[in-house]
């Protein structure tokens, strides 16, 4: 009886220990995969054509989406900010409120979330299909490192594309706030832009760009991991495994973006 009771008591600890070990193994695989891919990105032979293709896919093809989301985000901030600031007689600070909100927080976060949904899911699905069709195993058979060939260009392209798209989002968002605040609600154009010029400092811009680089690393590492290790999901090989790994990649990346935003903000403030 004592043995049975001891076993029953130990079950929650065994379960917790197994889950903890699985999480540690996953994190280890993600870090190793990303570090290996980043290392190969700076070791010849360089894959400039593949990197340019990935920049086009991740960056250029996301431009319209980023512009749309940035413009509506700025317009909403301008509208909400105006009706909040007017209560305190500080509507002249609308430009500063919109610019700081977008450049420090919303720009890098929303850009990363949009790219995750559009390009990150595609990365995971592409690698998952290649794993299922044994293309990755074929590369290994031909003595070609699949991490160098498939993942390194994605990592380098993401680190280049995310800050550029974040900068575009910031500019479009500030213009969106201008459309709402100045053209629709009547705030003086000079007041709107001069408040931004007087109160925005280089550290605000650098904080947003640092966040975008960190988010690029997180998104690419997580999405490539789930695609590359599709065969290790519960569903295993097949279409269900690819769909499961793609969903997990997008959800996990989104959670890590939000958590990473808090951590980075707490360090940079």
Protein backbone atom coordinates (compact mmCIF):
# COMPACT_ATOMS: atom_id res chain seq x y z
CA UNK A 1 0.00 0.00 0.00
CA UNK A 2 2.83 2.41 0.85
CA UNK A 3 4.42 1.80 -2.56
CA UNK A 4 1.13 2.50 -4.33
CA UNK A 5 0.66 5.74 -2.36
CA UNK A 6 4.24 6.81 -3.09
CA UNK A 7 3.74 6.14 -6.80
CA UNK A 8 0.50 8.13 -6.87
CA UNK A 9 2.21 11.01 -5.05
CA UNK A 10 5.12 10.97 -7.50
CA UNK A 11 2.95 11.06 -10.65
CA UNK A 12 2.54 14.89 -10.80
CA UNK A 13 6.30 15.37 -10.31
CA UNK A 14 7.11 12.82 -13.02
CA UNK A 15 4.68 14.54 -15.41
CA UNK A 16 6.13 17.98 -14.58
CA UNK A 17 9.69 16.70 -15.02
CA UNK A 18 8.91 15.13 -18.40
CA UNK A 19 7.26 18.32 -19.66
CA UNK A 20 10.17 20.45 -18.42
CA UNK A 21 12.70 18.22 -20.19
CA UNK A 22 10.69 18.40 -23.44
CA UNK A 23 10.60 22.19 -23.26
CA UNK A 24 14.35 22.36 -22.59
CA UNK A 25 15.03 20.04 -25.54
CA UNK A 26 12.85 22.20 -27.81
CA UNK A 27 14.57 25.39 -26.72
CA UNK A 28 17.95 23.77 -27.24
CA UNK A 29 17.03 22.68 -30.77
CA UNK A 30 15.71 26.16 -31.63
CA UNK A 31 18.84 27.91 -30.34
CA UNK A 32 21.21 25.48 -32.07
CA UNK A 33 19.31 25.69 -35.36
CA UNK A 34 19.29 29.49 -35.31
CA UNK A 35 22.93 29.80 -34.23
CA UNK A 36 24.03 27.35 -36.92
CA UNK A 37 21.99 29.14 -39.60
CA UNK A 38 23.30 32.56 -38.57
CA UNK A 39 26.90 31.28 -38.50
CA UNK A 40 26.63 29.81 -42.01
CA UNK A 41 25.21 33.11 -43.24
CA UNK A 42 28.59 34.79 -42.71
CA UNK A 43 30.78 31.91 -43.94
CA UNK A 44 31.59 31.54 -47.66
CA UNK A 45 30.32 30.46 -50.08
CA UNK A 46 27.68 33.18 -49.69
CA UNK A 47 24.21 32.64 -51.12
CA UNK A 48 23.46 36.15 -52.33
CA UNK A 49 20.83 35.09 -54.86
CA UNK A 50 18.89 33.10 -52.26
CA UNK A 51 19.12 35.94 -49.74
CA UNK A 52 17.79 38.42 -52.32
CA UNK A 53 14.93 36.03 -53.16
CA UNK A 54 14.04 35.78 -49.47
CA UNK A 55 14.24 39.57 -49.00
CA UNK A 56 11.81 39.92 -51.89
CA UNK A 57 9.49 37.28 -50.42
CA UNK A 58 9.64 38.46 -46.79
CA UNK A 59 10.11 42.18 -47.38
CA UNK A 60 8.83 43.41 -50.73
CA UNK A 61 5.75 41.16 -50.79
CA UNK A 62 4.80 42.30 -47.28
CA UNK A 63 5.01 46.00 -48.16
CA UNK A 64 1.34 46.49 -49.09
CA UNK A 65 0.16 44.70 -45.94
CA UNK A 66 2.47 46.78 -43.74
CA UNK A 67 1.33 50.03 -45.38
CA UNK A 68 -2.34 49.17 -44.90
CA UNK A 69 -1.96 48.14 -41.26
CA UNK A 70 0.34 51.09 -40.53
CA UNK A 71 -2.03 53.66 -42.02
CA UNK A 72 -5.09 52.41 -40.16
CA UNK A 73 -3.12 52.05 -36.92
CA UNK A 74 -1.96 55.67 -37.18
CA UNK A 75 -5.46 56.88 -38.02
CA UNK A 76 -6.97 55.10 -35.03
CA UNK A 77 -4.23 56.43 -32.73
CA UNK A 78 -4.82 59.94 -34.05
CA UNK A 79 -8.56 59.66 -33.44
CA UNK A 80 -8.33 58.13 -29.96
CA UNK A 81 -5.37 60.30 -28.95
CA UNK A 82 -7.15 63.50 -29.94
CA UNK A 83 -10.26 62.80 -27.85
CA UNK A 84 -8.07 61.81 -24.90
CA UNK A 85 -5.68 64.79 -25.08
CA UNK A 86 -8.41 67.36 -25.73
CA UNK A 87 -9.80 66.65 -22.24
CA UNK A 88 -6.54 67.99 -20.79
CA UNK A 89 -6.13 70.80 -23.30
CA UNK A 90 -3.05 69.09 -24.73
CA UNK A 91 -4.22 68.26 -28.26
CA UNK A 92 -1.09 69.99 -29.60
CA UNK A 93 0.90 66.98 -28.34
CA UNK A 94 -0.99 64.57 -30.59
CA UNK A 95 1.93 64.23 -33.00
CA UNK A 96 4.27 63.22 -30.17
CA UNK A 97 1.76 60.73 -28.75
CA UNK A 98 1.22 59.07 -32.13
CA UNK A 99 4.91 59.00 -33.07
CA UNK A 100 6.15 57.61 -29.74
CA UNK A 101 3.41 54.97 -29.58
CA UNK A 102 4.17 53.74 -33.08
CA UNK A 103 7.96 54.01 -33.11
CA UNK A 104 8.60 52.51 -29.67
CA UNK A 105 5.88 49.85 -29.48
CA UNK A 106 3.26 49.36 -32.15
CA UNK A 107 5.57 49.63 -35.17
CA UNK A 108 7.94 46.75 -34.38
CA UNK A 109 5.27 44.58 -32.72
CA UNK A 110 2.56 44.84 -35.39
CA UNK A 111 5.12 44.55 -38.20
CA UNK A 112 6.48 41.34 -36.67
CA UNK A 113 2.97 39.92 -36.18
CA UNK A 114 1.97 40.70 -39.77
CA UNK A 115 5.15 39.16 -41.21
CA UNK A 116 4.68 36.11 -38.99
CA UNK A 117 1.21 35.54 -40.38
CA UNK A 118 2.25 36.09 -44.00
CA UNK A 119 5.87 34.93 -44.34
CA UNK A 120 6.54 32.97 -41.14
CA UNK A 121 3.73 30.54 -41.81
CA UNK A 122 5.04 30.06 -45.36
CA UNK A 123 8.54 29.29 -44.02
CA UNK A 124 7.18 26.61 -41.70
CA UNK A 125 4.94 25.08 -44.38
CA UNK A 126 7.71 25.07 -47.01
CA UNK A 127 10.21 23.33 -44.74
CA UNK A 128 7.53 20.95 -43.48
CA UNK A 129 6.62 19.87 -47.00
CA UNK A 130 10.30 19.44 -47.85
CA UNK A 131 10.71 17.27 -44.76
CA UNK A 132 7.67 15.15 -45.68
CA UNK A 133 8.80 14.70 -49.29
CA UNK A 134 12.30 13.75 -48.03
CA UNK A 135 13.96 16.64 -49.86
CA UNK A 136 15.88 17.56 -46.70
CA UNK A 137 17.13 13.96 -46.39
CA UNK A 138 18.13 14.09 -50.05
CA UNK A 139 20.26 17.18 -49.41
CA UNK A 140 22.04 15.35 -46.59
CA UNK A 141 22.63 12.38 -48.90
CA UNK A 142 24.29 14.73 -51.42
CA UNK A 143 26.49 16.10 -48.60
CA UNK A 144 24.72 19.50 -48.68
CA UNK A 145 23.97 20.98 -45.27
CA UNK A 146 20.20 21.73 -45.30
CA UNK A 147 20.60 24.41 -42.61
CA UNK A 148 23.09 26.34 -44.75
CA UNK A 149 21.11 25.79 -47.95
CA UNK A 150 17.56 26.39 -46.67
CA UNK A 151 17.59 28.26 -43.37
CA UNK A 152 20.58 30.64 -43.47
CA UNK A 153 19.16 32.80 -46.32
CA UNK A 154 15.86 33.10 -44.43
CA UNK A 155 17.60 34.27 -41.25
CA UNK A 156 19.77 36.87 -42.99
CA UNK A 157 16.86 38.12 -45.10
CA UNK A 158 14.62 38.46 -42.03
CA UNK A 159 17.23 40.43 -40.09
CA UNK A 160 17.48 42.82 -43.07
CA UNK A 161 13.76 43.01 -43.88
CA UNK A 162 12.19 43.44 -40.44
CA UNK A 163 13.87 46.78 -39.55
CA UNK A 164 13.17 48.19 -43.02
CA UNK A 165 9.51 47.22 -42.87
CA UNK A 166 9.29 48.59 -39.33
CA UNK A 167 10.63 51.94 -40.56
CA UNK A 168 8.01 51.96 -43.34
CA UNK A 169 5.29 51.15 -40.80
CA UNK A 170 6.47 54.01 -38.57
CA UNK A 171 6.38 56.60 -41.37
CA UNK A 172 3.00 55.45 -42.70
CA UNK A 173 1.57 55.33 -39.17
CA UNK A 174 2.67 58.90 -38.40
CA UNK A 175 1.13 60.06 -41.68
CA UNK A 176 -2.06 58.22 -40.78
CA UNK A 177 -2.18 60.10 -37.47
CA UNK A 178 -1.64 63.32 -39.41
CA UNK A 179 -4.58 62.57 -41.71
CA UNK A 180 -6.90 62.06 -38.75
CA UNK A 181 -5.52 64.75 -36.46
CA UNK A 182 -4.82 67.57 -38.89
CA UNK A 183 -6.94 67.01 -41.97
CA UNK A 184 -10.07 65.67 -40.23
CA UNK A 185 -9.96 67.12 -36.70
CA UNK A 186 -8.30 70.45 -37.46
CA UNK A 187 -5.01 70.37 -35.56
CA UNK A 188 -2.48 72.71 -37.16
CA UNK A 189 -0.07 70.87 -39.47
CA UNK A 190 2.97 72.74 -38.11
CA UNK A 191 1.97 71.95 -34.53
CA UNK A 192 1.60 68.24 -35.33
CA UNK A 193 5.03 67.81 -36.95
CA UNK A 194 6.92 70.29 -34.74
CA UNK A 195 5.85 68.40 -31.61
CA UNK A 196 7.30 65.24 -33.13
CA UNK A 197 10.55 67.02 -34.02
CA UNK A 198 10.93 68.52 -30.53
CA UNK A 199 10.12 65.41 -28.47
CA UNK A 200 11.35 62.48 -30.56
CA UNK A 201 14.97 61.48 -29.85
CA UNK A 202 17.28 58.99 -31.53
CA UNK A 203 16.99 56.52 -28.63
CA UNK A 204 13.26 56.14 -29.38
CA UNK A 205 14.02 55.17 -32.98
CA UNK A 206 16.89 52.86 -32.02
CA UNK A 207 14.69 51.07 -29.48
CA UNK A 208 12.15 50.23 -32.16
CA UNK A 209 14.83 49.01 -34.57
CA UNK A 210 16.50 46.87 -31.88
CA UNK A 211 13.14 45.28 -31.16
CA UNK A 212 12.59 44.57 -34.85
CA UNK A 213 15.93 42.75 -35.12
CA UNK A 214 15.14 40.67 -32.03
CA UNK A 215 11.68 39.84 -33.37
CA UNK A 216 13.20 38.87 -36.72
CA UNK A 217 15.48 36.41 -34.95
CA UNK A 218 12.64 34.98 -32.84
CA UNK A 219 10.18 34.59 -35.71
CA UNK A 220 12.67 33.01 -38.11
CA UNK A 221 14.11 30.65 -35.49
CA UNK A 222 10.69 29.44 -34.33
CA UNK A 223 9.09 29.12 -37.77
CA UNK A 224 12.10 27.35 -39.27
CA UNK A 225 12.30 25.04 -36.27
CA UNK A 226 8.68 23.92 -36.53
CA UNK A 227 9.01 23.40 -40.28
CA UNK A 228 12.37 21.63 -40.09
CA UNK A 229 11.20 19.28 -37.32
CA UNK A 230 7.70 18.64 -38.65
CA UNK A 231 8.28 14.91 -38.35
CA UNK A 232 8.63 15.29 -34.58
CA UNK A 233 5.11 16.69 -34.11
CA UNK A 234 2.32 14.51 -32.75
CA UNK A 235 0.79 14.16 -36.20
CA UNK A 236 4.15 13.14 -37.69
CA UNK A 237 4.52 12.93 -41.46
CA UNK A 238 1.74 13.97 -43.81
CA UNK A 239 -0.52 16.96 -44.43
CA UNK A 240 -1.76 16.98 -40.85
CA UNK A 241 1.80 17.28 -39.56
CA UNK A 242 2.49 20.26 -41.82
CA UNK A 243 -0.72 22.02 -40.77
CA UNK A 244 0.04 21.37 -37.10
CA UNK A 245 3.62 22.65 -37.35
CA UNK A 246 2.50 25.76 -39.30
CA UNK A 247 -0.17 26.60 -36.72
CA UNK A 248 2.27 26.04 -33.86
CA UNK A 249 4.87 28.23 -35.57
CA UNK A 250 2.51 31.20 -35.94
CA UNK A 251 1.01 30.92 -32.45
CA UNK A 252 4.35 30.41 -30.69
CA UNK A 253 6.00 33.25 -32.64
CA UNK A 254 3.15 35.62 -31.76
CA UNK A 255 3.40 34.76 -28.06
CA UNK A 256 7.18 35.19 -28.06
CA UNK A 257 6.87 38.54 -29.85
CA UNK A 258 4.60 39.89 -27.11
CA UNK A 259 6.71 38.42 -24.31
CA UNK A 260 9.93 39.61 -25.96
CA UNK A 261 8.47 43.09 -26.34
CA UNK A 262 7.91 43.32 -22.59
CA UNK A 263 11.38 41.99 -21.75
CA UNK A 264 13.19 44.28 -24.21
CA UNK A 265 11.13 47.32 -23.13
CA UNK A 266 11.92 46.68 -19.47
CA UNK A 267 15.64 46.63 -20.27
CA UNK A 268 15.69 49.65 -22.61
CA UNK A 269 13.52 52.02 -20.58
